[in-house]
Amino acid sequence: MNIDNNEIVALIGANGAGKSTIIKTISGLVPVSSGSIIFEGKRIENMPAHKIITNGIALVPEGRRLFPYMTVQENLELGAYVENNREKVRENMEWVFGLFPILDERKAQLAGTFSGGEQQMLTIGRALMSKPKFLMMDEPSLGLSPLIVDEVFKTVELLQNEGVTILLVEQNVRKSLEIANRGYVLEHGRIVLSGEATGLLEDENVKKAYLGM
């Protein structure tokens, strides 16, 4: 699998196909059993997770995984724990607040009191606090209302416009392919199909297996 700079790439497949495993492996959370992972010309497959973050890779995990009894600002600050420059942390937080004004308005509020959609914005914001070049998103629309799902996908497109490269794992295959540049179809841990997102949307196998057509 190859991802070019400033692309949105959709990774699709049935439950258990291995999509989340790929993301966790790139993040350093799951050990590599074979093969290599190369980011900006550097092999990172044996690098610890905290070092991978400092190289410009961040993860928006499935299920949000916030700290509910900490404030919005405290959750965001945890996303910048690898950054020692306090001025840089402040700049990154202002960037996140610009993307998600509600987080600025409610920065003293406990994260656990947010709605599901607001929590997802905070989860994305926390990942962005390390100012990543490459952002992986694992099921960002899971459990959200249709209106909030639309907002999440608009956010993904906005981040691409901000220069962030994105790998998107998403149950909503149609929406993910509509905003992606390219896509990969995964079955049983293997890539069985890849191509331009518009072409995958028209592929008969994809239509039948993932689009309900």
N, C-alpha and C. Protein backbone atom coordinates (compact mmCIF):
# COMPACT_ATOMS: atom_id res chain seq x y z
N MET A 1 0.84 -1.18 0.00
CA MET A 1 0.00 0.00 0.00
C MET A 1 0.88 1.24 0.00
N ASN A 2 0.51 2.21 -0.83
CA ASN A 2 1.27 3.44 -0.93
C ASN A 2 0.33 4.63 -0.78
N ILE A 3 0.76 5.64 -0.02
CA ILE A 3 -0.03 6.85 0.17
C ILE A 3 0.84 8.04 -0.17
N ASP A 4 0.38 8.85 -1.11
CA ASP A 4 1.15 10.02 -1.54
C ASP A 4 0.84 11.23 -0.66
N ASN A 5 1.73 12.19 -0.69
CA ASN A 5 1.58 13.39 0.11
C ASN A 5 0.28 14.13 -0.21
N ASN A 6 -0.44 14.53 0.85
CA ASN A 6 -1.66 15.33 0.76
C ASN A 6 -2.83 14.60 0.10
N GLU A 7 -2.80 13.27 0.11
CA GLU A 7 -3.93 12.49 -0.38
C GLU A 7 -4.88 12.14 0.77
N ILE A 8 -6.14 11.88 0.42
CA ILE A 8 -7.04 11.12 1.28
C ILE A 8 -7.15 9.74 0.67
N VAL A 9 -6.77 8.72 1.42
CA VAL A 9 -6.86 7.34 0.94
C VAL A 9 -7.84 6.58 1.83
N ALA A 10 -8.82 5.96 1.22
CA ALA A 10 -9.82 5.18 1.96
C ALA A 10 -9.39 3.72 1.98
N LEU A 11 -9.44 3.12 3.17
CA LEU A 11 -9.15 1.69 3.33
C LEU A 11 -10.45 1.02 3.71
N ILE A 12 -10.99 0.19 2.82
CA ILE A 12 -12.31 -0.40 3.05
C ILE A 12 -12.22 -1.92 3.08
N GLY A 13 -13.20 -2.51 3.76
CA GLY A 13 -13.26 -3.95 3.89
C GLY A 13 -14.26 -4.33 4.95
N ALA A 14 -14.64 -5.59 4.98
CA ALA A 14 -15.61 -6.08 5.96
C ALA A 14 -15.00 -6.07 7.36
N ASN A 15 -15.85 -6.23 8.37
CA ASN A 15 -15.35 -6.37 9.75
C ASN A 15 -14.41 -7.57 9.81
N GLY A 16 -13.26 -7.37 10.46
CA GLY A 16 -12.30 -8.45 10.59
C GLY A 16 -11.34 -8.58 9.41
N ALA A 17 -11.43 -7.67 8.45
CA ALA A 17 -10.55 -7.75 7.28
C ALA A 17 -9.11 -7.36 7.60
N GLY A 18 -8.93 -6.60 8.70
CA GLY A 18 -7.58 -6.21 9.09
C GLY A 18 -7.31 -4.73 8.98
N LYS A 19 -8.35 -3.93 8.77
CA LYS A 19 -8.17 -2.48 8.58
C LYS A 19 -7.58 -1.82 9.83
N SER A 20 -8.19 -2.07 10.98
CA SER A 20 -7.70 -1.46 12.21
C SER A 20 -6.31 -1.97 12.58
N THR A 21 -6.03 -3.22 12.25
CA THR A 21 -4.70 -3.79 12.52
C THR A 21 -3.63 -3.04 11.75
N ILE A 22 -3.92 -2.69 10.50
CA ILE A 22 -2.96 -1.94 9.69
C ILE A 22 -2.67 -0.59 10.34
N ILE A 23 -3.73 0.10 10.75
CA ILE A 23 -3.56 1.41 11.38
C ILE A 23 -2.76 1.30 12.68
N LYS A 24 -3.09 0.31 13.50
CA LYS A 24 -2.38 0.14 14.78
C LYS A 24 -0.93 -0.26 14.56
N THR A 25 -0.67 -1.00 13.49
CA THR A 25 0.70 -1.40 13.19
C THR A 25 1.53 -0.20 12.76
N ILE A 26 0.95 0.65 11.90
CA ILE A 26 1.65 1.87 11.49
C ILE A 26 1.92 2.75 12.71
N SER A 27 0.97 2.77 13.65
CA SER A 27 1.10 3.60 14.85
C SER A 27 2.10 3.06 15.86
N GLY A 28 2.57 1.83 15.67
CA GLY A 28 3.50 1.23 16.62
C GLY A 28 2.82 0.54 17.78
N LEU A 29 1.49 0.36 17.69
CA LEU A 29 0.74 -0.28 18.77
C LEU A 29 0.67 -1.79 18.62
N VAL A 30 0.93 -2.28 17.41
CA VAL A 30 0.94 -3.72 17.12
C VAL A 30 2.26 -4.04 16.44
N PRO A 31 3.00 -5.06 16.90
CA PRO A 31 4.30 -5.36 16.29
C PRO A 31 4.16 -5.87 14.85
N VAL A 32 5.17 -5.57 14.05
CA VAL A 32 5.19 -6.02 12.65
C VAL A 32 5.75 -7.43 12.60
N SER A 33 5.00 -8.33 11.95
CA SER A 33 5.46 -9.72 11.83
C SER A 33 6.28 -9.93 10.56
N SER A 34 6.02 -9.14 9.52
CA SER A 34 6.80 -9.21 8.28
C SER A 34 6.60 -7.92 7.50
N GLY A 35 7.49 -7.70 6.55
CA GLY A 35 7.37 -6.51 5.73
C GLY A 35 7.97 -5.28 6.40
N SER A 36 7.75 -4.12 5.77
CA SER A 36 8.32 -2.88 6.29
C SER A 36 7.33 -1.74 6.14
N ILE A 37 7.49 -0.71 6.97
CA ILE A 37 6.69 0.50 6.90
C ILE A 37 7.66 1.66 6.71
N ILE A 38 7.50 2.38 5.63
CA ILE A 38 8.41 3.48 5.30
C ILE A 38 7.64 4.78 5.27
N PHE A 39 8.13 5.75 6.04
CA PHE A 39 7.51 7.08 6.09
C PHE A 39 8.58 8.13 5.80
N GLU A 40 8.35 8.89 4.75
CA GLU A 40 9.31 9.91 4.32
C GLU A 40 10.72 9.34 4.17
N GLY A 41 10.81 8.15 3.58
CA GLY A 41 12.10 7.52 3.30
C GLY A 41 12.73 6.81 4.47
N LYS A 42 12.06 6.80 5.63
CA LYS A 42 12.62 6.19 6.84
C LYS A 42 11.80 4.98 7.27
N ARG A 43 12.46 3.89 7.58
CA ARG A 43 11.75 2.71 8.09
C ARG A 43 11.34 2.94 9.54
N ILE A 44 10.06 2.71 9.82
CA ILE A 44 9.56 3.00 11.17
C ILE A 44 8.91 1.79 11.84
N GLU A 45 9.00 0.61 11.21
CA GLU A 45 8.23 -0.52 11.75
C GLU A 45 8.71 -0.99 13.12
N ASN A 46 9.93 -0.70 13.50
CA ASN A 46 10.42 -1.10 14.82
C ASN A 46 10.52 0.06 15.79
N MET A 47 9.93 1.17 15.42
CA MET A 47 10.01 2.38 16.23
C MET A 47 8.90 2.37 17.29
N PRO A 48 9.18 2.77 18.54
CA PRO A 48 8.11 2.83 19.55
C PRO A 48 7.08 3.90 19.20
N ALA A 49 5.87 3.72 19.72
CA ALA A 49 4.74 4.58 19.34
C ALA A 49 5.02 6.05 19.59
N HIS A 50 5.65 6.39 20.72
CA HIS A 50 5.87 7.81 21.01
C HIS A 50 6.87 8.44 20.05
N LYS A 51 7.77 7.64 19.50
CA LYS A 51 8.72 8.16 18.51
C LYS A 51 8.04 8.34 17.16
N ILE A 52 7.11 7.45 16.85
CA ILE A 52 6.38 7.57 15.59
C ILE A 52 5.59 8.88 15.56
N ILE A 53 5.02 9.26 16.70
CA ILE A 53 4.29 10.53 16.78
C ILE A 53 5.22 11.70 16.48
N THR A 54 6.43 11.67 17.02
CA THR A 54 7.37 12.79 16.80
C THR A 54 7.82 12.87 15.35
N ASN A 55 7.63 11.79 14.59
CA ASN A 55 7.97 11.81 13.17
C ASN A 55 6.85 12.36 12.31
N GLY A 56 5.70 12.68 12.92
CA GLY A 56 4.64 13.34 12.16
C GLY A 56 3.44 12.48 11.83
N ILE A 57 3.24 11.40 12.60
CA ILE A 57 2.10 10.50 12.38
C ILE A 57 1.20 10.53 13.61
N ALA A 58 -0.11 10.63 13.39
CA ALA A 58 -1.05 10.64 14.52
C ALA A 58 -2.25 9.77 14.19
N LEU A 59 -2.95 9.34 15.24
CA LEU A 59 -4.09 8.43 15.11
C LEU A 59 -5.32 9.00 15.80
N VAL A 60 -6.44 8.97 15.09
CA VAL A 60 -7.76 9.21 15.69
C VAL A 60 -8.36 7.83 15.91
N PRO A 61 -8.36 7.33 17.16
CA PRO A 61 -8.75 5.93 17.39
C PRO A 61 -10.25 5.70 17.30
N GLU A 62 -10.61 4.48 16.99
CA GLU A 62 -12.03 4.09 17.03
C GLU A 62 -12.53 4.19 18.47
N GLY A 63 -13.74 4.69 18.64
CA GLY A 63 -14.33 4.76 19.98
C GLY A 63 -13.89 5.96 20.79
N ARG A 64 -13.15 6.87 20.15
CA ARG A 64 -12.77 8.17 20.72
C ARG A 64 -11.72 8.10 21.81
N ARG A 65 -11.88 7.28 22.86
CA ARG A 65 -10.85 7.07 23.89
C ARG A 65 -10.41 8.37 24.57
N LEU A 66 -11.35 9.22 24.89
CA LEU A 66 -11.04 10.45 25.61
C LEU A 66 -10.89 10.17 27.11
N PHE A 67 -10.41 11.18 27.84
CA PHE A 67 -10.36 11.11 29.29
C PHE A 67 -11.56 11.91 29.80
N PRO A 68 -12.67 11.23 30.15
CA PRO A 68 -13.94 11.92 30.40
C PRO A 68 -13.94 12.87 31.59
N TYR A 69 -13.08 12.62 32.58
CA TYR A 69 -13.08 13.46 33.78
C TYR A 69 -12.00 14.54 33.72
N MET A 70 -11.45 14.72 32.53
CA MET A 70 -10.52 15.82 32.30
C MET A 70 -11.19 16.84 31.39
N THR A 71 -10.76 18.07 31.46
CA THR A 71 -11.38 19.11 30.64
C THR A 71 -10.97 18.95 29.17
N VAL A 72 -11.67 19.70 28.33
CA VAL A 72 -11.35 19.73 26.91
C VAL A 72 -9.89 20.16 26.71
N GLN A 73 -9.49 21.22 27.39
CA GLN A 73 -8.12 21.71 27.24
C GLN A 73 -7.10 20.69 27.72
N GLU A 74 -7.39 20.01 28.82
CA GLU A 74 -6.46 19.00 29.32
C GLU A 74 -6.33 17.83 28.34
N ASN A 75 -7.44 17.42 27.74
CA ASN A 75 -7.38 16.36 26.73
C ASN A 75 -6.53 16.80 25.54
N LEU A 76 -6.71 18.04 25.12
CA LEU A 76 -5.92 18.55 24.00
C LEU A 76 -4.43 18.60 24.36
N GLU A 77 -4.13 19.05 25.56
CA GLU A 77 -2.73 19.14 25.98
C GLU A 77 -2.05 17.77 25.99
N LEU A 78 -2.81 16.73 26.31
CA LEU A 78 -2.25 15.37 26.29
C LEU A 78 -1.85 14.97 24.87
N GLY A 79 -2.57 15.51 23.87
CA GLY A 79 -2.21 15.22 22.49
C GLY A 79 -0.89 15.83 22.08
N ALA A 80 -0.40 16.78 22.87
CA ALA A 80 0.86 17.46 22.57
C ALA A 80 1.96 17.08 23.55
N TYR A 81 1.83 15.93 24.20
CA TYR A 81 2.78 15.58 25.27
C TYR A 81 4.20 15.38 24.76
N VAL A 82 4.37 15.12 23.46
CA VAL A 82 5.73 14.93 22.93
C VAL A 82 6.38 16.26 22.54
N GLU A 83 5.62 17.35 22.60
CA GLU A 83 6.14 18.66 22.22
C GLU A 83 6.61 19.42 23.45
N ASN A 84 7.90 19.74 23.51
CA ASN A 84 8.47 20.43 24.67
C ASN A 84 8.39 21.95 24.57
N ASN A 85 8.18 22.45 23.37
CA ASN A 85 8.11 23.89 23.15
C ASN A 85 6.70 24.39 23.47
N ARG A 86 6.55 25.11 24.58
CA ARG A 86 5.22 25.56 25.01
C ARG A 86 4.58 26.53 24.03
N GLU A 87 5.41 27.33 23.37
CA GLU A 87 4.86 28.25 22.37
C GLU A 87 4.28 27.48 21.19
N LYS A 88 4.96 26.40 20.81
CA LYS A 88 4.45 25.55 19.72
C LYS A 88 3.13 24.89 20.13
N VAL A 89 3.04 24.46 21.39
CA VAL A 89 1.79 23.87 21.89
C VAL A 89 0.67 24.89 21.82
N ARG A 90 0.96 26.12 22.21
CA ARG A 90 -0.05 27.18 22.17
C ARG A 90 -0.51 27.43 20.73
N GLU A 91 0.46 27.46 19.80
CA GLU A 91 0.12 27.67 18.39
C GLU A 91 -0.74 26.54 17.85
N ASN A 92 -0.38 25.31 18.20
CA ASN A 92 -1.16 24.16 17.74
C ASN A 92 -2.58 24.19 18.30
N MET A 93 -2.71 24.61 19.58
CA MET A 93 -4.03 24.68 20.18
C MET A 93 -4.88 25.75 19.50
N GLU A 94 -4.27 26.87 19.15
CA GLU A 94 -5.00 27.92 18.43
C GLU A 94 -5.46 27.41 17.06
N TRP A 95 -4.60 26.60 16.42
CA TRP A 95 -4.97 25.99 15.14
C TRP A 95 -6.19 25.07 15.31
N VAL A 96 -6.16 24.24 16.34
CA VAL A 96 -7.27 23.33 16.62
C VAL A 96 -8.54 24.12 16.94
N PHE A 97 -8.42 25.16 17.75
CA PHE A 97 -9.58 25.99 18.09
C PHE A 97 -10.14 26.68 16.85
N GLY A 98 -9.28 27.02 15.90
CA GLY A 98 -9.75 27.61 14.65
C GLY A 98 -10.55 26.62 13.83
N LEU A 99 -10.14 25.35 13.87
CA LEU A 99 -10.87 24.30 13.15
C LEU A 99 -12.18 23.95 13.85
N PHE A 100 -12.14 23.94 15.19
CA PHE A 100 -13.29 23.54 16.00
C PHE A 100 -13.58 24.59 17.06
N PRO A 101 -14.26 25.68 16.70
CA PRO A 101 -14.51 26.77 17.66
C PRO A 101 -15.23 26.33 18.93
N ILE A 102 -16.04 25.28 18.83
CA ILE A 102 -16.77 24.82 20.02
C ILE A 102 -15.81 24.36 21.11
N LEU A 103 -14.64 23.85 20.72
CA LEU A 103 -13.66 23.39 21.71
C LEU A 103 -13.08 24.58 22.48
N ASP A 104 -12.92 25.69 21.80
CA ASP A 104 -12.44 26.91 22.45
C ASP A 104 -13.51 27.44 23.41
N GLU A 105 -14.77 27.44 22.94
CA GLU A 105 -15.87 27.95 23.77
C GLU A 105 -16.05 27.12 25.04
N ARG A 106 -15.74 25.82 24.97
CA ARG A 106 -16.00 24.92 26.09
C ARG A 106 -14.73 24.26 26.62
N LYS A 107 -13.62 24.95 26.53
CA LYS A 107 -12.34 24.31 26.89
C LYS A 107 -12.24 23.95 28.36
N ALA A 108 -13.05 24.56 29.22
CA ALA A 108 -13.01 24.22 30.65
C ALA A 108 -14.03 23.15 31.01
N GLN A 109 -14.79 22.68 30.03
CA GLN A 109 -15.84 21.68 30.28
C GLN A 109 -15.23 20.27 30.29
N LEU A 110 -15.79 19.40 31.12
CA LEU A 110 -15.32 18.01 31.16
C LEU A 110 -15.67 17.31 29.85
N ALA A 111 -14.71 16.56 29.31
CA ALA A 111 -14.91 15.90 28.02
C ALA A 111 -16.08 14.92 28.06
N GLY A 112 -16.29 14.29 29.20
CA GLY A 112 -17.36 13.29 29.32
C GLY A 112 -18.75 13.87 29.25
N THR A 113 -18.88 15.20 29.36
CA THR A 113 -20.21 15.83 29.28
C THR A 113 -20.55 16.24 27.85
N PHE A 114 -19.64 16.04 26.92
CA PHE A 114 -19.89 16.37 25.53
C PHE A 114 -20.80 15.33 24.87
N SER A 115 -21.51 15.74 23.83
CA SER A 115 -22.26 14.79 22.99
C SER A 115 -21.28 13.95 22.19
N GLY A 116 -21.79 12.89 21.54
CA GLY A 116 -20.92 12.03 20.74
C GLY A 116 -20.20 12.78 19.65
N GLY A 117 -20.91 13.67 18.95
CA GLY A 117 -20.30 14.44 17.88
C GLY A 117 -19.24 15.40 18.39
N GLU A 118 -19.52 16.04 19.52
CA GLU A 118 -18.54 16.96 20.12
C GLU A 118 -17.30 16.20 20.59
N GLN A 119 -17.52 15.00 21.13
CA GLN A 119 -16.38 14.18 21.55
C GLN A 119 -15.51 13.79 20.36
N GLN A 120 -16.16 13.51 19.22
CA GLN A 120 -15.37 13.16 18.05
C GLN A 120 -14.54 14.34 17.58
N MET A 121 -15.09 15.55 17.63
CA MET A 121 -14.31 16.74 17.28
C MET A 121 -13.10 16.88 18.22
N LEU A 122 -13.33 16.61 19.49
CA LEU A 122 -12.23 16.69 20.47
C LEU A 122 -11.18 15.61 20.20
N THR A 123 -11.62 14.42 19.84
CA THR A 123 -10.68 13.34 19.54
C THR A 123 -9.80 13.70 18.34
N ILE A 124 -10.42 14.26 17.31
CA ILE A 124 -9.66 14.70 16.15
C ILE A 124 -8.71 15.83 16.56
N GLY A 125 -9.23 16.78 17.34
CA GLY A 125 -8.40 17.89 17.80
C GLY A 125 -7.21 17.42 18.60
N ARG A 126 -7.41 16.43 19.47
CA ARG A 126 -6.31 15.90 20.28
C ARG A 126 -5.21 15.32 19.38
N ALA A 127 -5.61 14.58 18.34
CA ALA A 127 -4.63 14.02 17.41
C ALA A 127 -3.87 15.11 16.66
N LEU A 128 -4.56 16.21 16.38
CA LEU A 128 -3.94 17.30 15.62
C LEU A 128 -2.97 18.13 16.46
N MET A 129 -3.01 17.95 17.78
CA MET A 129 -2.14 18.76 18.65
C MET A 129 -0.66 18.45 18.44
N SER A 130 -0.34 17.32 17.82
CA SER A 130 1.05 17.03 17.49
C SER A 130 1.43 17.57 16.12
N LYS A 131 0.49 18.30 15.48
CA LYS A 131 0.66 18.87 14.13
C LYS A 131 1.17 17.80 13.15
N PRO A 132 0.39 16.73 12.97
CA PRO A 132 0.87 15.62 12.14
C PRO A 132 0.89 15.96 10.65
N LYS A 133 1.80 15.30 9.94
CA LYS A 133 1.80 15.35 8.48
C LYS A 133 0.86 14.27 7.94
N PHE A 134 0.75 13.17 8.70
CA PHE A 134 -0.04 12.01 8.28
C PHE A 134 -0.99 11.64 9.40
N LEU A 135 -2.29 11.68 9.11
CA LEU A 135 -3.31 11.41 10.12
C LEU A 135 -4.10 10.16 9.72
N MET A 136 -4.19 9.20 10.63
CA MET A 136 -4.99 8.01 10.41
C MET A 136 -6.27 8.11 11.24
N MET A 137 -7.39 7.82 10.60
CA MET A 137 -8.69 7.95 11.28
C MET A 137 -9.41 6.61 11.21
N ASP A 138 -9.71 6.05 12.39
CA ASP A 138 -10.32 4.72 12.49
C ASP A 138 -11.80 4.87 12.85
N GLU A 139 -12.67 4.68 11.87
CA GLU A 139 -14.13 4.75 12.04
C GLU A 139 -14.57 6.06 12.72
N PRO A 140 -14.24 7.21 12.14
CA PRO A 140 -14.57 8.47 12.81
C PRO A 140 -16.07 8.79 12.88
N SER A 141 -16.89 8.16 12.02
CA SER A 141 -18.33 8.48 12.06
C SER A 141 -19.15 7.47 12.86
N LEU A 142 -18.49 6.50 13.48
CA LEU A 142 -19.18 5.42 14.18
C LEU A 142 -20.08 5.96 15.29
N GLY A 143 -21.36 5.61 15.25
CA GLY A 143 -22.30 5.96 16.32
C GLY A 143 -22.79 7.39 16.28
N LEU A 144 -22.52 8.12 15.19
CA LEU A 144 -22.93 9.52 15.12
C LEU A 144 -24.17 9.69 14.24
N SER A 145 -24.91 10.76 14.48
CA SER A 145 -26.10 11.05 13.69
C SER A 145 -25.68 11.47 12.28
N PRO A 146 -26.59 11.32 11.29
CA PRO A 146 -26.24 11.68 9.91
C PRO A 146 -25.72 13.10 9.75
N LEU A 147 -26.30 14.06 10.48
CA LEU A 147 -25.84 15.45 10.37
C LEU A 147 -24.40 15.59 10.86
N ILE A 148 -24.09 14.93 11.97
CA ILE A 148 -22.74 15.00 12.52
C ILE A 148 -21.75 14.25 11.63
N VAL A 149 -22.22 13.16 11.02
CA VAL A 149 -21.38 12.42 10.08
C VAL A 149 -20.94 13.34 8.93
N ASP A 150 -21.88 14.13 8.42
CA ASP A 150 -21.54 15.08 7.35
C ASP A 150 -20.48 16.06 7.82
N GLU A 151 -20.59 16.52 9.06
CA GLU A 151 -19.60 17.45 9.61
C GLU A 151 -18.22 16.80 9.72
N VAL A 152 -18.19 15.54 10.12
CA VAL A 152 -16.92 14.83 10.23
C VAL A 152 -16.23 14.74 8.87
N PHE A 153 -17.00 14.41 7.84
CA PHE A 153 -16.40 14.28 6.51
C PHE A 153 -15.97 15.63 5.95
N LYS A 154 -16.71 16.69 6.27
CA LYS A 154 -16.27 18.04 5.88
C LYS A 154 -14.95 18.38 6.56
N THR A 155 -14.82 17.94 7.81
CA THR A 155 -13.58 18.17 8.55
C THR A 155 -12.41 17.46 7.89
N VAL A 156 -12.63 16.23 7.44
CA VAL A 156 -11.58 15.47 6.76
C VAL A 156 -11.11 16.22 5.52
N GLU A 157 -12.04 16.74 4.74
CA GLU A 157 -11.68 17.50 3.54
C GLU A 157 -10.95 18.79 3.91
N LEU A 158 -11.37 19.43 4.98
CA LEU A 158 -10.72 20.66 5.44
C LEU A 158 -9.28 20.38 5.84
N LEU A 159 -9.06 19.26 6.51
CA LEU A 159 -7.70 18.91 6.93
C LEU A 159 -6.80 18.65 5.72
N GLN A 160 -7.35 18.04 4.70
CA GLN A 160 -6.57 17.86 3.47
C GLN A 160 -6.18 19.21 2.89
N ASN A 161 -7.12 20.16 2.91
CA ASN A 161 -6.81 21.51 2.43
C ASN A 161 -5.74 22.20 3.28
N GLU A 162 -5.62 21.75 4.54
CA GLU A 162 -4.59 22.29 5.44
C GLU A 162 -3.24 21.61 5.24
N GLY A 163 -3.19 20.65 4.31
CA GLY A 163 -1.93 20.00 3.99
C GLY A 163 -1.69 18.68 4.70
N VAL A 164 -2.72 18.13 5.36
CA VAL A 164 -2.58 16.87 6.09
C VAL A 164 -2.92 15.70 5.17
N THR A 165 -2.07 14.70 5.15
CA THR A 165 -2.33 13.46 4.42
C THR A 165 -3.14 12.54 5.32
N ILE A 166 -4.16 11.87 4.76
CA ILE A 166 -5.11 11.13 5.61
C ILE A 166 -5.34 9.71 5.10
N LEU A 167 -5.26 8.75 6.02
CA LEU A 167 -5.69 7.38 5.77
C LEU A 167 -6.99 7.18 6.53
N LEU A 168 -8.06 6.89 5.81
CA LEU A 168 -9.40 6.85 6.39
C LEU A 168 -9.96 5.43 6.38
N VAL A 169 -10.18 4.89 7.57
CA VAL A 169 -10.90 3.63 7.73
C VAL A 169 -12.30 3.97 8.19
N GLU A 170 -13.31 3.57 7.41
CA GLU A 170 -14.64 4.10 7.67
C GLU A 170 -15.70 3.10 7.21
N GLN A 171 -16.70 2.86 8.10
CA GLN A 171 -17.80 1.96 7.76
C GLN A 171 -18.68 2.54 6.66
N ASN A 172 -18.73 3.87 6.56
CA ASN A 172 -19.53 4.52 5.52
C ASN A 172 -18.69 4.58 4.24
N VAL A 173 -18.72 3.47 3.50
CA VAL A 173 -17.85 3.32 2.33
C VAL A 173 -18.15 4.36 1.26
N ARG A 174 -19.43 4.60 1.01
CA ARG A 174 -19.78 5.56 -0.04
C ARG A 174 -19.20 6.94 0.26
N LYS A 175 -19.44 7.43 1.47
CA LYS A 175 -18.96 8.77 1.81
C LYS A 175 -17.44 8.85 1.80
N SER A 176 -16.79 7.80 2.28
CA SER A 176 -15.33 7.83 2.31
C SER A 176 -14.75 7.85 0.90
N LEU A 177 -15.33 7.08 -0.02
CA LEU A 177 -14.84 7.08 -1.40
C LEU A 177 -15.21 8.37 -2.13
N GLU A 178 -16.29 9.02 -1.72
CA GLU A 178 -16.67 10.28 -2.35
C GLU A 178 -15.69 11.40 -2.07
N ILE A 179 -15.01 11.34 -0.90
CA ILE A 179 -14.06 12.41 -0.58
C ILE A 179 -12.61 11.98 -0.78
N ALA A 180 -12.38 10.68 -0.97
CA ALA A 180 -11.00 10.18 -1.10
C ALA A 180 -10.46 10.39 -2.51
N ASN A 181 -9.14 10.42 -2.61
CA ASN A 181 -8.48 10.42 -3.90
C ASN A 181 -8.33 9.00 -4.45
N ARG A 182 -7.93 8.10 -3.56
CA ARG A 182 -7.76 6.70 -3.95
C ARG A 182 -8.28 5.80 -2.83
N GLY A 183 -8.40 4.50 -3.15
CA GLY A 183 -8.86 3.56 -2.14
C GLY A 183 -8.23 2.19 -2.30
N TYR A 184 -8.22 1.45 -1.20
CA TYR A 184 -7.77 0.05 -1.19
C TYR A 184 -8.86 -0.79 -0.56
N VAL A 185 -9.12 -1.96 -1.14
CA VAL A 185 -10.09 -2.90 -0.58
C VAL A 185 -9.31 -4.06 0.05
N LEU A 186 -9.61 -4.32 1.30
CA LEU A 186 -8.89 -5.32 2.08
C LEU A 186 -9.80 -6.51 2.37
N GLU A 187 -9.29 -7.72 2.15
CA GLU A 187 -10.01 -8.94 2.52
C GLU A 187 -9.03 -9.90 3.17
N HIS A 188 -9.35 -10.33 4.39
CA HIS A 188 -8.52 -11.30 5.13
C HIS A 188 -7.06 -10.85 5.20
N GLY A 189 -6.85 -9.55 5.43
CA GLY A 189 -5.51 -9.03 5.60
C GLY A 189 -4.74 -8.77 4.31
N ARG A 190 -5.38 -8.97 3.17
CA ARG A 190 -4.71 -8.75 1.88
C ARG A 190 -5.46 -7.72 1.04
N ILE A 191 -4.70 -6.92 0.31
CA ILE A 191 -5.31 -5.96 -0.61
C ILE A 191 -5.74 -6.71 -1.86
N VAL A 192 -7.03 -6.65 -2.16
CA VAL A 192 -7.56 -7.38 -3.31
C VAL A 192 -7.95 -6.45 -4.45
N LEU A 193 -8.03 -5.14 -4.16
CA LEU A 193 -8.45 -4.19 -5.18
C LEU A 193 -7.96 -2.81 -4.77
N SER A 194 -7.54 -2.02 -5.73
CA SER A 194 -7.13 -0.65 -5.43
C SER A 194 -7.34 0.21 -6.67
N GLY A 195 -7.38 1.51 -6.46
CA GLY A 195 -7.55 2.40 -7.61
C GLY A 195 -8.07 3.75 -7.20
N GLU A 196 -8.35 4.57 -8.21
CA GLU A 196 -8.95 5.87 -7.96
C GLU A 196 -10.30 5.67 -7.26
N ALA A 197 -10.62 6.55 -6.32
CA ALA A 197 -11.86 6.39 -5.55
C ALA A 197 -13.09 6.42 -6.44
N THR A 198 -13.09 7.27 -7.45
CA THR A 198 -14.25 7.34 -8.35
C THR A 198 -14.45 6.02 -9.09
N GLY A 199 -13.35 5.39 -9.46
CA GLY A 199 -13.45 4.10 -10.13
C GLY A 199 -13.96 3.01 -9.21
N LEU A 200 -13.52 3.02 -7.95
CA LEU A 200 -13.99 2.02 -6.99
C LEU A 200 -15.49 2.18 -6.72
N LEU A 201 -15.96 3.41 -6.74
CA LEU A 201 -17.40 3.64 -6.53
C LEU A 201 -18.23 2.99 -7.64
N GLU A 202 -17.65 2.86 -8.81
CA GLU A 202 -18.37 2.29 -9.95
C GLU A 202 -18.08 0.80 -10.14
N ASP A 203 -17.15 0.26 -9.35
CA ASP A 203 -16.79 -1.15 -9.49
C ASP A 203 -17.93 -2.04 -9.02
N GLU A 204 -18.30 -3.02 -9.83
CA GLU A 204 -19.45 -3.87 -9.52
C GLU A 204 -19.25 -4.67 -8.24
N ASN A 205 -18.04 -5.15 -8.00
CA ASN A 205 -17.78 -5.92 -6.78
C ASN A 205 -17.90 -5.03 -5.54
N VAL A 206 -17.40 -3.82 -5.63
CA VAL A 206 -17.51 -2.89 -4.51
C VAL A 206 -18.96 -2.52 -4.27
N LYS A 207 -19.69 -2.26 -5.35
CA LYS A 207 -21.11 -1.94 -5.22
C LYS A 207 -21.87 -3.06 -4.49
N LYS A 208 -21.61 -4.27 -4.89
CA LYS A 208 -22.33 -5.41 -4.34
C LYS A 208 -21.94 -5.69 -2.89
N ALA A 209 -20.64 -5.61 -2.59
CA ALA A 209 -20.17 -5.99 -1.26
C ALA A 209 -20.30 -4.89 -0.23
N TYR A 210 -20.14 -3.62 -0.65
CA TYR A 210 -20.04 -2.55 0.34
C TYR A 210 -21.05 -1.42 0.20
N LEU A 211 -21.68 -1.33 -0.97
CA LEU A 211 -22.62 -0.22 -1.20
C LEU A 211 -24.07 -0.68 -1.23
N GLY A 212 -24.32 -1.98 -1.07
CA GLY A 212 -25.69 -2.50 -1.04
C GLY A 212 -26.41 -2.33 -2.36
N MET A 213 -25.68 -2.46 -3.47
CA MET A 213 -26.29 -2.28 -4.79
C MET A 213 -26.19 -3.56 -5.61
